[in-house]
Structure formats: C-alpha cells, structure tokens
Amino acid sequence: MEPTSHTLQDLFLQLGLAGGQSDIDQFVAAHRPLANTIRLAEAPFWTPAQAQFLREEISDDADWAEVVDQLNVMLRA
C-alpha cells in the first residue's frame, strides 16, 4: 500500500484552519519564528486537539509527517 501524499493545504484543513495560500502565508507570518527549543506540537497557538494530531503524526511517522515537517521548517525560518 502506497502512503498518501498530503499537501500543506490539506494539513491546514485537517487542523480546522483556512487552507488558502494567503491564509497559510498569514498563519506562518503571524507565528514565526518559532523558537528551536519548542517542539512544533508544543507551540502555544495550537488547540489541544491540533497539538495531539501533530504529535501523533510525527511520532508515528504517519502519512501526514512529511507535510507536518514542511510546516515545522516554515515556522522556523
């Protein structure tokens, strides 16, 4: 079974956030730079459900892990 490929837009929608490119750009601009000492899922701007989803996807190296990593990099830049 091939892993499912998700986009950044898909991730934002999965997290219950607006998924348009301008929405994503605004979110990243509003929340970066995220300190390197803070894990992505521990950032204060997530709801508990969003944080749990991010933790699970990274720890399980699940289908969403690649795009979660992409968001993580964007927030650190």
PDB file of N, CA and C in Angstrom:
ATOM      1  N   MET A   1       0.834  -1.174   0.000  1.00  0.00           N
ATOM      2  CA  MET A   1       0.000   0.000   0.000  1.00  0.00           C
ATOM      3  C   MET A   1       0.886   1.247   0.000  1.00  0.00           C
ATOM      4  N   GLU A   2       0.662   2.155  -0.930  1.00  0.00           N
ATOM      5  CA  GLU A   2       1.452   3.375  -1.019  1.00  0.00           C
ATOM      6  C   GLU A   2       0.963   4.407  -0.012  1.00  0.00           C
ATOM      7  N   PRO A   3       1.893   5.155   0.581  1.00  0.00           N
ATOM      8  CA  PRO A   3       1.467   6.207   1.503  1.00  0.00           C
ATOM      9  C   PRO A   3       0.710   7.306   0.758  1.00  0.00           C
ATOM     10  N   THR A   4      -0.204   7.924   1.463  1.00  0.00           N
ATOM     11  CA  THR A   4      -0.981   9.002   0.886  1.00  0.00           C
ATOM     12  C   THR A   4      -0.156  10.274   0.917  1.00  0.00           C
ATOM     13  N   SER A   5      -0.214  11.031  -0.166  1.00  0.00           N
ATOM     14  CA  SER A   5       0.516  12.291  -0.230  1.00  0.00           C
ATOM     15  C   SER A   5      -0.440  13.424   0.105  1.00  0.00           C
ATOM     16  N   HIS A   6      -0.079  14.209   1.113  1.00  0.00           N
ATOM     17  CA  HIS A   6      -0.906  15.328   1.542  1.00  0.00           C
ATOM     18  C   HIS A   6      -0.187  16.632   1.229  1.00  0.00           C
ATOM     19  N   THR A   7      -0.971  17.661   0.996  1.00  0.00           N
ATOM     20  CA  THR A   7      -0.417  18.984   0.742  1.00  0.00           C
ATOM     21  C   THR A   7      -0.501  19.823   2.015  1.00  0.00           C
ATOM     22  N   LEU A   8       0.170  20.948   1.985  1.00  0.00           N
ATOM     23  CA  LEU A   8       0.098  21.890   3.096  1.00  0.00           C
ATOM     24  C   LEU A   8      -1.345  22.378   3.271  1.00  0.00           C
ATOM     25  N   GLN A   9      -2.031  22.595   2.162  1.00  0.00           N
ATOM     26  CA  GLN A   9      -3.435  22.996   2.230  1.00  0.00           C
ATOM     27  C   GLN A   9      -4.258  21.913   2.927  1.00  0.00           C
ATOM     28  N   ASP A  10      -4.015  20.650   2.598  1.00  0.00           N
ATOM     29  CA  ASP A  10      -4.719  19.544   3.247  1.00  0.00           C
ATOM     30  C   ASP A  10      -4.484  19.550   4.757  1.00  0.00           C
ATOM     31  N   LEU A  11      -3.230  19.814   5.156  1.00  0.00           N
ATOM     32  CA  LEU A  11      -2.895  19.832   6.572  1.00  0.00           C
ATOM     33  C   LEU A  11      -3.659  20.938   7.292  1.00  0.00           C
ATOM     34  N   PHE A  12      -3.684  22.116   6.719  1.00  0.00           N
ATOM     35  CA  PHE A  12      -4.397  23.220   7.351  1.00  0.00           C
ATOM     36  C   PHE A  12      -5.885  22.894   7.486  1.00  0.00           C
ATOM     37  N   LEU A  13      -6.453  22.312   6.464  1.00  0.00           N
ATOM     38  CA  LEU A  13      -7.864  21.927   6.543  1.00  0.00           C
ATOM     39  C   LEU A  13      -8.073  20.846   7.595  1.00  0.00           C
ATOM     40  N   GLN A  14      -7.165  19.891   7.684  1.00  0.00           N
ATOM     41  CA  GLN A  14      -7.243  18.829   8.684  1.00  0.00           C
ATOM     42  C   GLN A  14      -7.186  19.411  10.097  1.00  0.00           C
ATOM     43  N   LEU A  15      -6.410  20.476  10.255  1.00  0.00           N
ATOM     44  CA  LEU A  15      -6.286  21.136  11.549  1.00  0.00           C
ATOM     45  C   LEU A  15      -7.441  22.094  11.838  1.00  0.00           C
ATOM     46  N   GLY A  16      -8.368  22.207  10.890  1.00  0.00           N
ATOM     47  CA  GLY A  16      -9.515  23.093  11.082  1.00  0.00           C
ATOM     48  C   GLY A  16      -9.204  24.553  10.799  1.00  0.00           C
ATOM     49  N   LEU A  17      -8.160  24.782  10.034  1.00  0.00           N
ATOM     50  CA  LEU A  17      -7.751  26.135   9.682  1.00  0.00           C
ATOM     51  C   LEU A  17      -8.066  26.411   8.219  1.00  0.00           C
ATOM     52  N   ALA A  18      -8.144  27.678   7.870  1.00  0.00           N
ATOM     53  CA  ALA A  18      -8.345  28.040   6.465  1.00  0.00           C
ATOM     54  C   ALA A  18      -7.131  27.572   5.666  1.00  0.00           C
ATOM     55  N   GLY A  19      -7.381  27.008   4.484  1.00  0.00           N
ATOM     56  CA  GLY A  19      -6.308  26.378   3.729  1.00  0.00           C
ATOM     57  C   GLY A  19      -5.878  27.079   2.470  1.00  0.00           C
ATOM     58  N   GLY A  20      -6.357  28.294   2.235  1.00  0.00           N
ATOM     59  CA  GLY A  20      -5.908  29.023   1.054  1.00  0.00           C
ATOM     60  C   GLY A  20      -4.458  29.448   1.206  1.00  0.00           C
ATOM     61  N   GLN A  21      -3.781  29.669   0.097  1.00  0.00           N
ATOM     62  CA  GLN A  21      -2.367  30.033   0.154  1.00  0.00           C
ATOM     63  C   GLN A  21      -2.146  31.304   0.964  1.00  0.00           C
ATOM     64  N   SER A  22      -3.009  32.291   0.788  1.00  0.00           N
ATOM     65  CA  SER A  22      -2.840  33.532   1.560  1.00  0.00           C
ATOM     66  C   SER A  22      -3.087  33.284   3.047  1.00  0.00           C
ATOM     67  N   ASP A  23      -4.014  32.374   3.378  1.00  0.00           N
ATOM     68  CA  ASP A  23      -4.271  32.018   4.782  1.00  0.00           C
ATOM     69  C   ASP A  23      -3.047  31.338   5.391  1.00  0.00           C
ATOM     70  N   ILE A  24      -2.451  30.443   4.647  1.00  0.00           N
ATOM     71  CA  ILE A  24      -1.250  29.739   5.112  1.00  0.00           C
ATOM     72  C   ILE A  24      -0.118  30.734   5.311  1.00  0.00           C
ATOM     73  N   ASP A  25       0.074  31.624   4.336  1.00  0.00           N
ATOM     74  CA  ASP A  25       1.130  32.635   4.435  1.00  0.00           C
ATOM     75  C   ASP A  25       0.927  33.519   5.660  1.00  0.00           C
ATOM     76  N   GLN A  26      -0.313  33.923   5.908  1.00  0.00           N
ATOM     77  CA  GLN A  26      -0.619  34.775   7.061  1.00  0.00           C
ATOM     78  C   GLN A  26      -0.360  34.028   8.372  1.00  0.00           C
ATOM     79  N   PHE A  27      -0.754  32.763   8.428  1.00  0.00           N
ATOM     80  CA  PHE A  27      -0.534  31.960   9.625  1.00  0.00           C
ATOM     81  C   PHE A  27       0.951  31.858   9.932  1.00  0.00           C
ATOM     82  N   VAL A  28       1.734  31.527   8.927  1.00  0.00           N
ATOM     83  CA  VAL A  28       3.173  31.367   9.110  1.00  0.00           C
ATOM     84  C   VAL A  28       3.794  32.699   9.530  1.00  0.00           C
ATOM     85  N   ALA A  29       3.414  33.774   8.877  1.00  0.00           N
ATOM     86  CA  ALA A  29       3.966  35.093   9.213  1.00  0.00           C
ATOM     87  C   ALA A  29       3.621  35.490  10.650  1.00  0.00           C
ATOM     88  N   ALA A  30       2.425  35.133  11.091  1.00  0.00           N
ATOM     89  CA  ALA A  30       1.975  35.503  12.435  1.00  0.00           C
ATOM     90  C   ALA A  30       2.653  34.685  13.533  1.00  0.00           C
ATOM     91  N   HIS A  31       3.132  33.472  13.194  1.00  0.00           N
ATOM     92  CA  HIS A  31       3.638  32.573  14.232  1.00  0.00           C
ATOM     93  C   HIS A  31       5.127  32.264  14.147  1.00  0.00           C
ATOM     94  N   ARG A  32       5.810  32.887  13.221  1.00  0.00           N
ATOM     95  CA  ARG A  32       7.239  32.639  13.136  1.00  0.00           C
ATOM     96  C   ARG A  32       7.998  33.842  13.627  1.00  0.00           C
ATOM     97  N   PRO A  33       9.187  33.689  14.080  1.00  0.00           N
ATOM     98  CA  PRO A  33       9.899  32.414  14.169  1.00  0.00           C
ATOM     99  C   PRO A  33       9.549  31.661  15.451  1.00  0.00           C
ATOM    100  N   LEU A  34       9.348  30.382  15.305  1.00  0.00           N
ATOM    101  CA  LEU A  34       9.107  29.507  16.449  1.00  0.00           C
ATOM    102  C   LEU A  34      10.471  29.094  16.993  1.00  0.00           C
ATOM    103  N   ALA A  35      10.681  29.320  18.264  1.00  0.00           N
ATOM    104  CA  ALA A  35      11.983  29.019  18.878  1.00  0.00           C
ATOM    105  C   ALA A  35      12.345  27.552  18.699  1.00  0.00           C
ATOM    106  N   ASN A  36      13.608  27.305  18.461  1.00  0.00           N
ATOM    107  CA  ASN A  36      14.092  25.929  18.274  1.00  0.00           C
ATOM    108  C   ASN A  36      13.924  25.074  19.518  1.00  0.00           C
ATOM    109  N   THR A  37      13.735  25.692  20.663  1.00  0.00           N
ATOM    110  CA  THR A  37      13.567  24.945  21.912  1.00  0.00           C
ATOM    111  C   THR A  37      12.135  24.438  22.099  1.00  0.00           C
ATOM    112  N   ILE A  38      11.230  24.872  21.225  1.00  0.00           N
ATOM    113  CA  ILE A  38       9.821  24.473  21.321  1.00  0.00           C
ATOM    114  C   ILE A  38       9.507  23.488  20.204  1.00  0.00           C
ATOM    115  N   ARG A  39       9.013  22.331  20.575  1.00  0.00           N
ATOM    116  CA  ARG A  39       8.562  21.371  19.562  1.00  0.00           C
ATOM    117  C   ARG A  39       7.312  21.916  18.896  1.00  0.00           C
ATOM    118  N   LEU A  40       7.151  21.582  17.635  1.00  0.00           N
ATOM    119  CA  LEU A  40       6.021  22.120  16.872  1.00  0.00           C
ATOM    120  C   LEU A  40       4.700  21.900  17.591  1.00  0.00           C
ATOM    121  N   ALA A  41       4.452  20.708  18.058  1.00  0.00           N
ATOM    122  CA  ALA A  41       3.173  20.389  18.706  1.00  0.00           C
ATOM    123  C   ALA A  41       2.997  21.096  20.043  1.00  0.00           C
ATOM    124  N   GLU A  42       4.087  21.611  20.615  1.00  0.00           N
ATOM    125  CA  GLU A  42       4.011  22.300  21.898  1.00  0.00           C
ATOM    126  C   GLU A  42       3.858  23.811  21.755  1.00  0.00           C
ATOM    127  N   ALA A  43       3.793  24.293  20.528  1.00  0.00           N
ATOM    128  CA  ALA A  43       3.640  25.734  20.303  1.00  0.00           C
ATOM    129  C   ALA A  43       2.316  26.192  20.916  1.00  0.00           C
ATOM    130  N   PRO A  44       2.318  27.373  21.510  1.00  0.00           N
ATOM    131  CA  PRO A  44       1.135  27.832  22.248  1.00  0.00           C
ATOM    132  C   PRO A  44      -0.078  28.175  21.386  1.00  0.00           C
ATOM    133  N   PHE A  45       0.085  28.237  20.090  1.00  0.00           N
ATOM    134  CA  PHE A  45      -1.033  28.642  19.239  1.00  0.00           C
ATOM    135  C   PHE A  45      -1.928  27.489  18.792  1.00  0.00           C
ATOM    136  N   TRP A  46      -1.580  26.255  19.124  1.00  0.00           N
ATOM    137  CA  TRP A  46      -2.419  25.106  18.765  1.00  0.00           C
ATOM    138  C   TRP A  46      -3.476  24.854  19.822  1.00  0.00           C
ATOM    139  N   THR A  47      -4.621  24.353  19.394  1.00  0.00           N
ATOM    140  CA  THR A  47      -5.603  23.849  20.346  1.00  0.00           C
ATOM    141  C   THR A  47      -5.090  22.494  20.839  1.00  0.00           C
ATOM    142  N   PRO A  48      -5.630  21.982  21.938  1.00  0.00           N
ATOM    143  CA  PRO A  48      -5.196  20.647  22.384  1.00  0.00           C
ATOM    144  C   PRO A  48      -5.388  19.568  21.309  1.00  0.00           C
ATOM    145  N   ALA A  49      -6.476  19.625  20.575  1.00  0.00           N
ATOM    146  CA  ALA A  49      -6.729  18.621  19.531  1.00  0.00           C
ATOM    147  C   ALA A  49      -5.722  18.749  18.389  1.00  0.00           C
ATOM    148  N   GLN A  50      -5.409  19.967  17.984  1.00  0.00           N
ATOM    149  CA  GLN A  50      -4.419  20.171  16.932  1.00  0.00           C
ATOM    150  C   GLN A  50      -3.046  19.674  17.379  1.00  0.00           C
ATOM    151  N   ALA A  51      -2.669  19.995  18.607  1.00  0.00           N
ATOM    152  CA  ALA A  51      -1.376  19.572  19.136  1.00  0.00           C
ATOM    153  C   ALA A  51      -1.282  18.045  19.187  1.00  0.00           C
ATOM    154  N   GLN A  52      -2.347  17.405  19.618  1.00  0.00           N
ATOM    155  CA  GLN A  52      -2.365  15.941  19.683  1.00  0.00           C
ATOM    156  C   GLN A  52      -2.208  15.321  18.294  1.00  0.00           C
ATOM    157  N   PHE A  53      -2.912  15.870  17.326  1.00  0.00           N
ATOM    158  CA  PHE A  53      -2.804  15.377  15.953  1.00  0.00           C
ATOM    159  C   PHE A  53      -1.353  15.497  15.463  1.00  0.00           C
ATOM    160  N   LEU A  54      -0.747  16.650  15.664  1.00  0.00           N
ATOM    161  CA  LEU A  54       0.628  16.861  15.214  1.00  0.00           C
ATOM    162  C   LEU A  54       1.588  15.897  15.912  1.00  0.00           C
ATOM    163  N   ARG A  55       1.428  15.724  17.227  1.00  0.00           N
ATOM    164  CA  ARG A  55       2.287  14.790  17.975  1.00  0.00           C
ATOM    165  C   ARG A  55       2.166  13.373  17.417  1.00  0.00           C
ATOM    166  N   GLU A  56       0.946  12.936  17.204  1.00  0.00           N
ATOM    167  CA  GLU A  56       0.718  11.568  16.717  1.00  0.00           C
ATOM    168  C   GLU A  56       1.297  11.359  15.327  1.00  0.00           C
ATOM    169  N   GLU A  57       1.110  12.316  14.464  1.00  0.00           N
ATOM    170  CA  GLU A  57       1.584  12.153  13.090  1.00  0.00           C
ATOM    171  C   GLU A  57       3.107  12.105  13.025  1.00  0.00           C
ATOM    172  N   ILE A  58       3.770  12.903  13.830  1.00  0.00           N
ATOM    173  CA  ILE A  58       5.231  12.885  13.847  1.00  0.00           C
ATOM    174  C   ILE A  58       5.750  11.621  14.528  1.00  0.00           C
ATOM    175  N   SER A  59       5.191  11.275  15.674  1.00  0.00           N
ATOM    176  CA  SER A  59       5.714  10.114  16.404  1.00  0.00           C
ATOM    177  C   SER A  59       5.457   8.804  15.655  1.00  0.00           C
ATOM    178  N   ASP A  60       4.366   8.730  14.920  1.00  0.00           N
ATOM    179  CA  ASP A  60       4.047   7.520  14.165  1.00  0.00           C
ATOM    180  C   ASP A  60       4.660   7.514  12.771  1.00  0.00           C
ATOM    181  N   ASP A  61       5.330   8.626  12.399  1.00  0.00           N
ATOM    182  CA  ASP A  61       5.840   8.795  11.038  1.00  0.00           C
ATOM    183  C   ASP A  61       4.735   8.444  10.042  1.00  0.00           C
ATOM    184  N   ALA A  62       3.566   8.986  10.305  1.00  0.00           N
ATOM    185  CA  ALA A  62       2.360   8.683   9.531  1.00  0.00           C
ATOM    186  C   ALA A  62       2.337   9.443   8.202  1.00  0.00           C
ATOM    187  N   ASP A  63       1.247   9.247   7.468  1.00  0.00           N
ATOM    188  CA  ASP A  63       1.085   9.863   6.155  1.00  0.00           C
ATOM    189  C   ASP A  63       1.267  11.380   6.180  1.00  0.00           C
ATOM    190  N   TRP A  64       0.901  11.990   7.271  1.00  0.00           N
ATOM    191  CA  TRP A  64       0.965  13.448   7.371  1.00  0.00           C
ATOM    192  C   TRP A  64       2.348  13.950   7.772  1.00  0.00           C
ATOM    193  N   ALA A  65       3.250  13.083   8.186  1.00  0.00           N
ATOM    194  CA  ALA A  65       4.528  13.502   8.766  1.00  0.00           C
ATOM    195  C   ALA A  65       5.335  14.412   7.846  1.00  0.00           C
ATOM    196  N   GLU A  66       5.371  14.123   6.572  1.00  0.00           N
ATOM    197  CA  GLU A  66       6.174  14.924   5.646  1.00  0.00           C
ATOM    198  C   GLU A  66       5.680  16.368   5.574  1.00  0.00           C
ATOM    199  N   VAL A  67       4.380  16.546   5.477  1.00  0.00           N
ATOM    200  CA  VAL A  67       3.842  17.904   5.376  1.00  0.00           C
ATOM    201  C   VAL A  67       3.880  18.612   6.734  1.00  0.00           C
ATOM    202  N   VAL A  68       3.788  17.870   7.832  1.00  0.00           N
ATOM    203  CA  VAL A  68       3.965  18.463   9.162  1.00  0.00           C
ATOM    204  C   VAL A  68       5.401  18.958   9.288  1.00  0.00           C
ATOM    205  N   ASP A  69       6.354  18.187   8.808  1.00  0.00           N
ATOM    206  CA  ASP A  69       7.755  18.628   8.799  1.00  0.00           C
ATOM    207  C   ASP A  69       7.925  19.892   7.963  1.00  0.00           C
ATOM    208  N   GLN A  70       7.234  19.949   6.845  1.00  0.00           N
ATOM    209  CA  GLN A  70       7.300  21.132   5.986  1.00  0.00           C
ATOM    210  C   GLN A  70       6.814  22.368   6.743  1.00  0.00           C
ATOM    211  N   LEU A  71       5.708  22.248   7.434  1.00  0.00           N
ATOM    212  CA  LEU A  71       5.181  23.367   8.225  1.00  0.00           C
ATOM    213  C   LEU A  71       6.176  23.744   9.321  1.00  0.00           C
ATOM    214  N   ASN A  72       6.749  22.757   9.966  1.00  0.00           N
ATOM    215  CA  ASN A  72       7.734  22.999  11.020  1.00  0.00           C
ATOM    216  C   ASN A  72       8.888  23.850  10.484  1.00  0.00           C
ATOM    217  N   VAL A  73       9.409  23.501   9.337  1.00  0.00           N
ATOM    218  CA  VAL A  73      10.517  24.252   8.718  1.00  0.00           C
ATOM    219  C   VAL A  73      10.067  25.674   8.404  1.00  0.00           C
ATOM    220  N   MET A  74       8.885  25.821   7.869  1.00  0.00           N
ATOM    221  CA  MET A  74       8.371  27.149   7.515  1.00  0.00           C
ATOM    222  C   MET A  74       8.264  28.045   8.749  1.00  0.00           C
ATOM    223  N   LEU A  75       7.865  27.477   9.866  1.00  0.00           N
ATOM    224  CA  LEU A  75       7.700  28.262  11.081  1.00  0.00           C
ATOM    225  C   LEU A  75       9.034  28.596  11.757  1.00  0.00           C
ATOM    226  N   ARG A  76      10.066  27.890  11.421  1.00  0.00           N
ATOM    227  CA  ARG A  76      11.394  28.132  11.999  1.00  0.00           C
ATOM    228  C   ARG A  76      12.187  29.153  11.184  1.00  0.00           C
ATOM    229  N   ALA A  77      11.861  29.317   9.935  1.00  0.00           N
ATOM    230  CA  ALA A  77      12.641  30.173   9.024  1.00  0.00           C
ATOM    231  C   ALA A  77      12.610  31.638   9.446  1.00  0.00           C
TER     232      ALA A  77
END
